[in-house]
Amino acid sequence: MKTIQRFAVSAVAAAVILGTAGCTGMSARDQYTAGGAAAGAVGGAVLTGGSAIGTIGGAAVGGIIGNEIGKNK
């Protein structure tokens, strides 16, 4: 079961990264927010063993951090 969870996390990470590659029309702040949410979702999923709560929580925290970093760009 761990192999399936790892594959699922990797697949989601790849989809998010490829999905945000087409964000050239977004502001730098929006790009940082989306990137932070993607990284946070992957981190939350990995840290909690793939739970939905961990993934959503990680995405929220990552999005907030990315938004704050993007303010100065």
PDB file of N, CA and C in Angstrom:
ATOM      1  N   MET A   1       0.821  -1.197   0.000  1.00  0.00           N
ATOM      2  CA  MET A   1       0.000   0.000   0.000  1.00  0.00           C
ATOM      3  C   MET A   1       0.863   1.258   0.000  1.00  0.00           C
ATOM      4  N   LYS A   2       2.012   1.206   0.640  1.00  0.00           N
ATOM      5  CA  LYS A   2       2.896   2.371   0.672  1.00  0.00           C
ATOM      6  C   LYS A   2       3.342   2.749  -0.739  1.00  0.00           C
ATOM      7  N   THR A   3       3.562   1.755  -1.590  1.00  0.00           N
ATOM      8  CA  THR A   3       3.985   2.039  -2.960  1.00  0.00           C
ATOM      9  C   THR A   3       2.908   2.804  -3.703  1.00  0.00           C
ATOM     10  N   ILE A   4       1.668   2.441  -3.512  1.00  0.00           N
ATOM     11  CA  ILE A   4       0.561   3.134  -4.175  1.00  0.00           C
ATOM     12  C   ILE A   4       0.467   4.570  -3.670  1.00  0.00           C
ATOM     13  N   GLN A   5       0.619   4.784  -2.381  1.00  0.00           N
ATOM     14  CA  GLN A   5       0.562   6.138  -1.829  1.00  0.00           C
ATOM     15  C   GLN A   5       1.705   6.997  -2.359  1.00  0.00           C
ATOM     16  N   ARG A   6       2.887   6.433  -2.425  1.00  0.00           N
ATOM     17  CA  ARG A   6       4.027   7.192  -2.952  1.00  0.00           C
ATOM     18  C   ARG A   6       3.814   7.538  -4.416  1.00  0.00           C
ATOM     19  N   PHE A   7       3.293   6.586  -5.173  1.00  0.00           N
ATOM     20  CA  PHE A   7       3.016   6.855  -6.585  1.00  0.00           C
ATOM     21  C   PHE A   7       1.964   7.944  -6.723  1.00  0.00           C
ATOM     22  N   ALA A   8       0.933   7.889  -5.899  1.00  0.00           N
ATOM     23  CA  ALA A   8      -0.129   8.896  -5.976  1.00  0.00           C
ATOM     24  C   ALA A   8       0.404  10.284  -5.640  1.00  0.00           C
ATOM     25  N   VAL A   9       1.231  10.381  -4.620  1.00  0.00           N
ATOM     26  CA  VAL A   9       1.815  11.673  -4.254  1.00  0.00           C
ATOM     27  C   VAL A   9       2.702  12.184  -5.380  1.00  0.00           C
ATOM     28  N   SER A  10       3.493  11.302  -5.963  1.00  0.00           N
ATOM     29  CA  SER A  10       4.355  11.704  -7.079  1.00  0.00           C
ATOM     30  C   SER A  10       3.538  12.147  -8.281  1.00  0.00           C
ATOM     31  N   ALA A  11       2.456  11.446  -8.564  1.00  0.00           N
ATOM     32  CA  ALA A  11       1.604  11.805  -9.697  1.00  0.00           C
ATOM     33  C   ALA A  11       0.940  13.158  -9.478  1.00  0.00           C
ATOM     34  N   VAL A  12       0.473  13.405  -8.272  1.00  0.00           N
ATOM     35  CA  VAL A  12      -0.144  14.700  -7.967  1.00  0.00           C
ATOM     36  C   VAL A  12       0.897  15.812  -8.073  1.00  0.00           C
ATOM     37  N   ALA A  13       2.080  15.573  -7.552  1.00  0.00           N
ATOM     38  CA  ALA A  13       3.139  16.585  -7.627  1.00  0.00           C
ATOM     39  C   ALA A  13       3.484  16.903  -9.077  1.00  0.00           C
ATOM     40  N   ALA A  14       3.609  15.875  -9.904  1.00  0.00           N
ATOM     41  CA  ALA A  14       3.921  16.093 -11.317  1.00  0.00           C
ATOM     42  C   ALA A  14       2.806  16.855 -12.015  1.00  0.00           C
ATOM     43  N   ALA A  15       1.564  16.515 -11.717  1.00  0.00           N
ATOM     44  CA  ALA A  15       0.432  17.205 -12.343  1.00  0.00           C
ATOM     45  C   ALA A  15       0.385  18.671 -11.938  1.00  0.00           C
ATOM     46  N   VAL A  16       0.662  18.946 -10.684  1.00  0.00           N
ATOM     47  CA  VAL A  16       0.640  20.332 -10.214  1.00  0.00           C
ATOM     48  C   VAL A  16       1.776  21.128 -10.844  1.00  0.00           C
ATOM     49  N   ILE A  17       2.944  20.537 -10.901  1.00  0.00           N
ATOM     50  CA  ILE A  17       4.086  21.234 -11.493  1.00  0.00           C
ATOM     51  C   ILE A  17       3.837  21.511 -12.971  1.00  0.00           C
ATOM     52  N   LEU A  18       3.343  20.520 -13.692  1.00  0.00           N
ATOM     53  CA  LEU A  18       3.044  20.731 -15.108  1.00  0.00           C
ATOM     54  C   LEU A  18       1.894  21.713 -15.293  1.00  0.00           C
ATOM     55  N   GLY A  19       0.944  21.682 -14.394  1.00  0.00           N
ATOM     56  CA  GLY A  19      -0.190  22.598 -14.485  1.00  0.00           C
ATOM     57  C   GLY A  19       0.190  24.041 -14.241  1.00  0.00           C
ATOM     58  N   THR A  20       1.136  24.262 -13.349  1.00  0.00           N
ATOM     59  CA  THR A  20       1.555  25.635 -13.071  1.00  0.00           C
ATOM     60  C   THR A  20       2.583  26.139 -14.071  1.00  0.00           C
ATOM     61  N   ALA A  21       3.087  25.276 -14.922  1.00  0.00           N
ATOM     62  CA  ALA A  21       4.055  25.712 -15.933  1.00  0.00           C
ATOM     63  C   ALA A  21       3.410  26.668 -16.932  1.00  0.00           C
ATOM     64  N   GLY A  22       2.112  26.587 -17.107  1.00  0.00           N
ATOM     65  CA  GLY A  22       1.421  27.461 -18.047  1.00  0.00           C
ATOM     66  C   GLY A  22       0.884  28.729 -17.419  1.00  0.00           C
ATOM     67  N   CYS A  23       1.447  29.158 -16.334  1.00  0.00           N
ATOM     68  CA  CYS A  23       0.944  30.325 -15.602  1.00  0.00           C
ATOM     69  C   CYS A  23       1.695  31.598 -15.958  1.00  0.00           C
ATOM     70  N   THR A  24       2.064  31.769 -17.215  1.00  0.00           N
ATOM     71  CA  THR A  24       2.854  32.941 -17.588  1.00  0.00           C
ATOM     72  C   THR A  24       2.051  34.227 -17.497  1.00  0.00           C
ATOM     73  N   GLY A  25       0.735  34.158 -17.584  1.00  0.00           N
ATOM     74  CA  GLY A  25      -0.087  35.353 -17.492  1.00  0.00           C
ATOM     75  C   GLY A  25      -0.366  35.796 -16.066  1.00  0.00           C
ATOM     76  N   MET A  26       0.090  35.026 -15.103  1.00  0.00           N
ATOM     77  CA  MET A  26      -0.155  35.352 -13.702  1.00  0.00           C
ATOM     78  C   MET A  26       0.913  36.308 -13.189  1.00  0.00           C
ATOM     79  N   SER A  27       0.557  37.074 -12.176  1.00  0.00           N
ATOM     80  CA  SER A  27       1.548  37.945 -11.541  1.00  0.00           C
ATOM     81  C   SER A  27       2.539  37.080 -10.761  1.00  0.00           C
ATOM     82  N   ALA A  28       3.660  37.678 -10.411  1.00  0.00           N
ATOM     83  CA  ALA A  28       4.673  36.948  -9.646  1.00  0.00           C
ATOM     84  C   ALA A  28       4.102  36.479  -8.312  1.00  0.00           C
ATOM     85  N   ARG A  29       3.282  37.308  -7.697  1.00  0.00           N
ATOM     86  CA  ARG A  29       2.684  36.944  -6.408  1.00  0.00           C
ATOM     87  C   ARG A  29       1.759  35.745  -6.563  1.00  0.00           C
ATOM     88  N   ASP A  30       0.961  35.723  -7.626  1.00  0.00           N
ATOM     89  CA  ASP A  30       0.075  34.587  -7.870  1.00  0.00           C
ATOM     90  C   ASP A  30       0.869  33.315  -8.136  1.00  0.00           C
ATOM     91  N   GLN A  31       1.972  33.438  -8.871  1.00  0.00           N
ATOM     92  CA  GLN A  31       2.805  32.274  -9.154  1.00  0.00           C
ATOM     93  C   GLN A  31       3.428  31.729  -7.875  1.00  0.00           C
ATOM     94  N   TYR A  32       3.896  32.612  -7.012  1.00  0.00           N
ATOM     95  CA  TYR A  32       4.460  32.165  -5.740  1.00  0.00           C
ATOM     96  C   TYR A  32       3.392  31.496  -4.874  1.00  0.00           C
ATOM     97  N   THR A  33       2.183  32.038  -4.894  1.00  0.00           N
ATOM     98  CA  THR A  33       1.096  31.447  -4.115  1.00  0.00           C
ATOM     99  C   THR A  33       0.770  30.049  -4.621  1.00  0.00           C
ATOM    100  N   ALA A  34       0.646  29.903  -5.939  1.00  0.00           N
ATOM    101  CA  ALA A  34       0.337  28.590  -6.520  1.00  0.00           C
ATOM    102  C   ALA A  34       1.470  27.600  -6.277  1.00  0.00           C
ATOM    103  N   GLY A  35       2.689  28.055  -6.440  1.00  0.00           N
ATOM    104  CA  GLY A  35       3.836  27.178  -6.189  1.00  0.00           C
ATOM    105  C   GLY A  35       3.933  26.758  -4.736  1.00  0.00           C
ATOM    106  N   GLY A  36       3.668  27.690  -3.841  1.00  0.00           N
ATOM    107  CA  GLY A  36       3.683  27.359  -2.416  1.00  0.00           C
ATOM    108  C   GLY A  36       2.595  26.369  -2.048  1.00  0.00           C
ATOM    109  N   ALA A  37       1.421  26.544  -2.646  1.00  0.00           N
ATOM    110  CA  ALA A  37       0.324  25.607  -2.385  1.00  0.00           C
ATOM    111  C   ALA A  37       0.672  24.218  -2.899  1.00  0.00           C
ATOM    112  N   ALA A  38       1.282  24.156  -4.075  1.00  0.00           N
ATOM    113  CA  ALA A  38       1.665  22.853  -4.636  1.00  0.00           C
ATOM    114  C   ALA A  38       2.710  22.170  -3.762  1.00  0.00           C
ATOM    115  N   ALA A  39       3.734  22.907  -3.389  1.00  0.00           N
ATOM    116  CA  ALA A  39       4.782  22.332  -2.548  1.00  0.00           C
ATOM    117  C   ALA A  39       4.231  21.945  -1.176  1.00  0.00           C
ATOM    118  N   GLY A  40       3.358  22.768  -0.633  1.00  0.00           N
ATOM    119  CA  GLY A  40       2.756  22.460   0.660  1.00  0.00           C
ATOM    120  C   GLY A  40       1.874  21.226   0.615  1.00  0.00           C
ATOM    121  N   ALA A  41       1.147  21.062  -0.485  1.00  0.00           N
ATOM    122  CA  ALA A  41       0.292  19.882  -0.631  1.00  0.00           C
ATOM    123  C   ALA A  41       1.125  18.613  -0.667  1.00  0.00           C
ATOM    124  N   VAL A  42       2.205  18.645  -1.416  1.00  0.00           N
ATOM    125  CA  VAL A  42       3.078  17.469  -1.483  1.00  0.00           C
ATOM    126  C   VAL A  42       3.707  17.210  -0.122  1.00  0.00           C
ATOM    127  N   GLY A  43       4.212  18.261   0.512  1.00  0.00           N
ATOM    128  CA  GLY A  43       4.816  18.094   1.831  1.00  0.00           C
ATOM    129  C   GLY A  43       3.834  17.574   2.867  1.00  0.00           C
ATOM    130  N   GLY A  44       2.622  18.115   2.858  1.00  0.00           N
ATOM    131  CA  GLY A  44       1.605  17.651   3.796  1.00  0.00           C
ATOM    132  C   GLY A  44       1.218  16.205   3.564  1.00  0.00           C
ATOM    133  N   ALA A  45       1.130  15.818   2.300  1.00  0.00           N
ATOM    134  CA  ALA A  45       0.787  14.429   1.982  1.00  0.00           C
ATOM    135  C   ALA A  45       1.891  13.479   2.420  1.00  0.00           C
ATOM    136  N   VAL A  46       3.125  13.866   2.190  1.00  0.00           N
ATOM    137  CA  VAL A  46       4.247  13.009   2.573  1.00  0.00           C
ATOM    138  C   VAL A  46       4.338  12.884   4.091  1.00  0.00           C
ATOM    139  N   LEU A  47       4.193  13.992   4.794  1.00  0.00           N
ATOM    140  CA  LEU A  47       4.337  13.964   6.249  1.00  0.00           C
ATOM    141  C   LEU A  47       3.221  13.209   6.952  1.00  0.00           C
ATOM    142  N   THR A  48       2.031  13.165   6.345  1.00  0.00           N
ATOM    143  CA  THR A  48       0.903  12.498   6.997  1.00  0.00           C
ATOM    144  C   THR A  48       0.559  11.159   6.357  1.00  0.00           C
ATOM    145  N   GLY A  49       1.427  10.658   5.510  1.00  0.00           N
ATOM    146  CA  GLY A  49       1.176   9.355   4.899  1.00  0.00           C
ATOM    147  C   GLY A  49       0.088   9.380   3.850  1.00  0.00           C
ATOM    148  N   GLY A  50      -0.142  10.520   3.232  1.00  0.00           N
ATOM    149  CA  GLY A  50      -1.113  10.608   2.144  1.00  0.00           C
ATOM    150  C   GLY A  50      -2.527  10.952   2.570  1.00  0.00           C
ATOM    151  N   SER A  51      -2.722  11.401   3.799  1.00  0.00           N
ATOM    152  CA  SER A  51      -4.081  11.726   4.231  1.00  0.00           C
ATOM    153  C   SER A  51      -4.571  13.005   3.560  1.00  0.00           C
ATOM    154  N   ALA A  52      -5.864  13.070   3.340  1.00  0.00           N
ATOM    155  CA  ALA A  52      -6.455  14.238   2.684  1.00  0.00           C
ATOM    156  C   ALA A  52      -6.320  15.482   3.547  1.00  0.00           C
ATOM    157  N   ILE A  53      -6.487  15.333   4.844  1.00  0.00           N
ATOM    158  CA  ILE A  53      -6.373  16.472   5.757  1.00  0.00           C
ATOM    159  C   ILE A  53      -4.963  17.057   5.704  1.00  0.00           C
ATOM    160  N   GLY A  54      -3.962  16.201   5.705  1.00  0.00           N
ATOM    161  CA  GLY A  54      -2.579  16.665   5.631  1.00  0.00           C
ATOM    162  C   GLY A  54      -2.280  17.362   4.321  1.00  0.00           C
ATOM    163  N   THR A  55      -2.824  16.825   3.230  1.00  0.00           N
ATOM    164  CA  THR A  55      -2.606  17.427   1.919  1.00  0.00           C
ATOM    165  C   THR A  55      -3.255  18.799   1.834  1.00  0.00           C
ATOM    166  N   ILE A  56      -4.491  18.904   2.282  1.00  0.00           N
ATOM    167  CA  ILE A  56      -5.212  20.182   2.241  1.00  0.00           C
ATOM    168  C   ILE A  56      -4.561  21.197   3.182  1.00  0.00           C
ATOM    169  N   GLY A  57      -4.211  20.749   4.371  1.00  0.00           N
ATOM    170  CA  GLY A  57      -3.551  21.643   5.321  1.00  0.00           C
ATOM    171  C   GLY A  57      -2.212  22.133   4.799  1.00  0.00           C
ATOM    172  N   GLY A  58      -1.443  21.232   4.200  1.00  0.00           N
ATOM    173  CA  GLY A  58      -0.158  21.621   3.624  1.00  0.00           C
ATOM    174  C   GLY A  58      -0.322  22.611   2.489  1.00  0.00           C
ATOM    175  N   ALA A  59      -1.340  22.405   1.661  1.00  0.00           N
ATOM    176  CA  ALA A  59      -1.597  23.330   0.551  1.00  0.00           C
ATOM    177  C   ALA A  59      -1.964  24.709   1.074  1.00  0.00           C
ATOM    178  N   ALA A  60      -2.778  24.750   2.117  1.00  0.00           N
ATOM    179  CA  ALA A  60      -3.180  26.040   2.688  1.00  0.00           C
ATOM    180  C   ALA A  60      -1.980  26.781   3.269  1.00  0.00           C
ATOM    181  N   VAL A  61      -1.186  26.084   4.047  1.00  0.00           N
ATOM    182  CA  VAL A  61      -0.013  26.714   4.655  1.00  0.00           C
ATOM    183  C   VAL A  61       0.987  27.132   3.579  1.00  0.00           C
ATOM    184  N   GLY A  62       1.222  26.261   2.605  1.00  0.00           N
ATOM    185  CA  GLY A  62       2.148  26.589   1.524  1.00  0.00           C
ATOM    186  C   GLY A  62       1.677  27.773   0.701  1.00  0.00           C
ATOM    187  N   GLY A  63       0.379  27.861   0.457  1.00  0.00           N
ATOM    188  CA  GLY A  63      -0.168  28.994  -0.285  1.00  0.00           C
ATOM    189  C   GLY A  63       0.010  30.303   0.455  1.00  0.00           C
ATOM    190  N   ILE A  64      -0.194  30.273   1.756  1.00  0.00           N
ATOM    191  CA  ILE A  64      -0.007  31.487   2.565  1.00  0.00           C
ATOM    192  C   ILE A  64       1.458  31.914   2.552  1.00  0.00           C
ATOM    193  N   ILE A  65       2.352  30.953   2.722  1.00  0.00           N
ATOM    194  CA  ILE A  65       3.779  31.283   2.709  1.00  0.00           C
ATOM    195  C   ILE A  65       4.190  31.812   1.338  1.00  0.00           C
ATOM    196  N   GLY A  66       3.741  31.159   0.273  1.00  0.00           N
ATOM    197  CA  GLY A  66       4.060  31.631  -1.070  1.00  0.00           C
ATOM    198  C   GLY A  66       3.520  33.019  -1.333  1.00  0.00           C
ATOM    199  N   ASN A  67       2.333  33.301  -0.841  1.00  0.00           N
ATOM    200  CA  ASN A  67       1.736  34.627  -0.999  1.00  0.00           C
ATOM    201  C   ASN A  67       2.572  35.686  -0.289  1.00  0.00           C
ATOM    202  N   GLU A  68       3.026  35.383   0.906  1.00  0.00           N
ATOM    203  CA  GLU A  68       3.843  36.335   1.660  1.00  0.00           C
ATOM    204  C   GLU A  68       5.192  36.566   0.981  1.00  0.00           C
ATOM    205  N   ILE A  69       5.789  35.510   0.466  1.00  0.00           N
ATOM    206  CA  ILE A  69       7.065  35.657  -0.236  1.00  0.00           C
ATOM    207  C   ILE A  69       6.870  36.474  -1.507  1.00  0.00           C
ATOM    208  N   GLY A  70       5.758  36.250  -2.196  1.00  0.00           N
ATOM    209  CA  GLY A  70       5.490  36.949  -3.449  1.00  0.00           C
ATOM    210  C   GLY A  70       5.184  38.425  -3.295  1.00  0.00           C
ATOM    211  N   LYS A  71       4.889  38.886  -2.096  1.00  0.00           N
ATOM    212  CA  LYS A  71       4.588  40.308  -1.882  1.00  0.00           C
ATOM    213  C   LYS A  71       5.760  41.200  -2.266  1.00  0.00           C
ATOM    214  N   ASN A  72       6.956  40.728  -2.037  1.00  0.00           N
ATOM    215  CA  ASN A  72       8.146  41.542  -2.266  1.00  0.00           C
ATOM    216  C   ASN A  72       8.742  41.353  -3.654  1.00  0.00           C
ATOM    217  N   LYS A  73       8.118  40.607  -4.497  1.00  0.00           N
ATOM    218  CA  LYS A  73       8.674  40.340  -5.838  1.00  0.00           C
ATOM    219  C   LYS A  73       8.010  41.195  -6.875  1.00  0.00           C
TER     220      LYS A  73
END
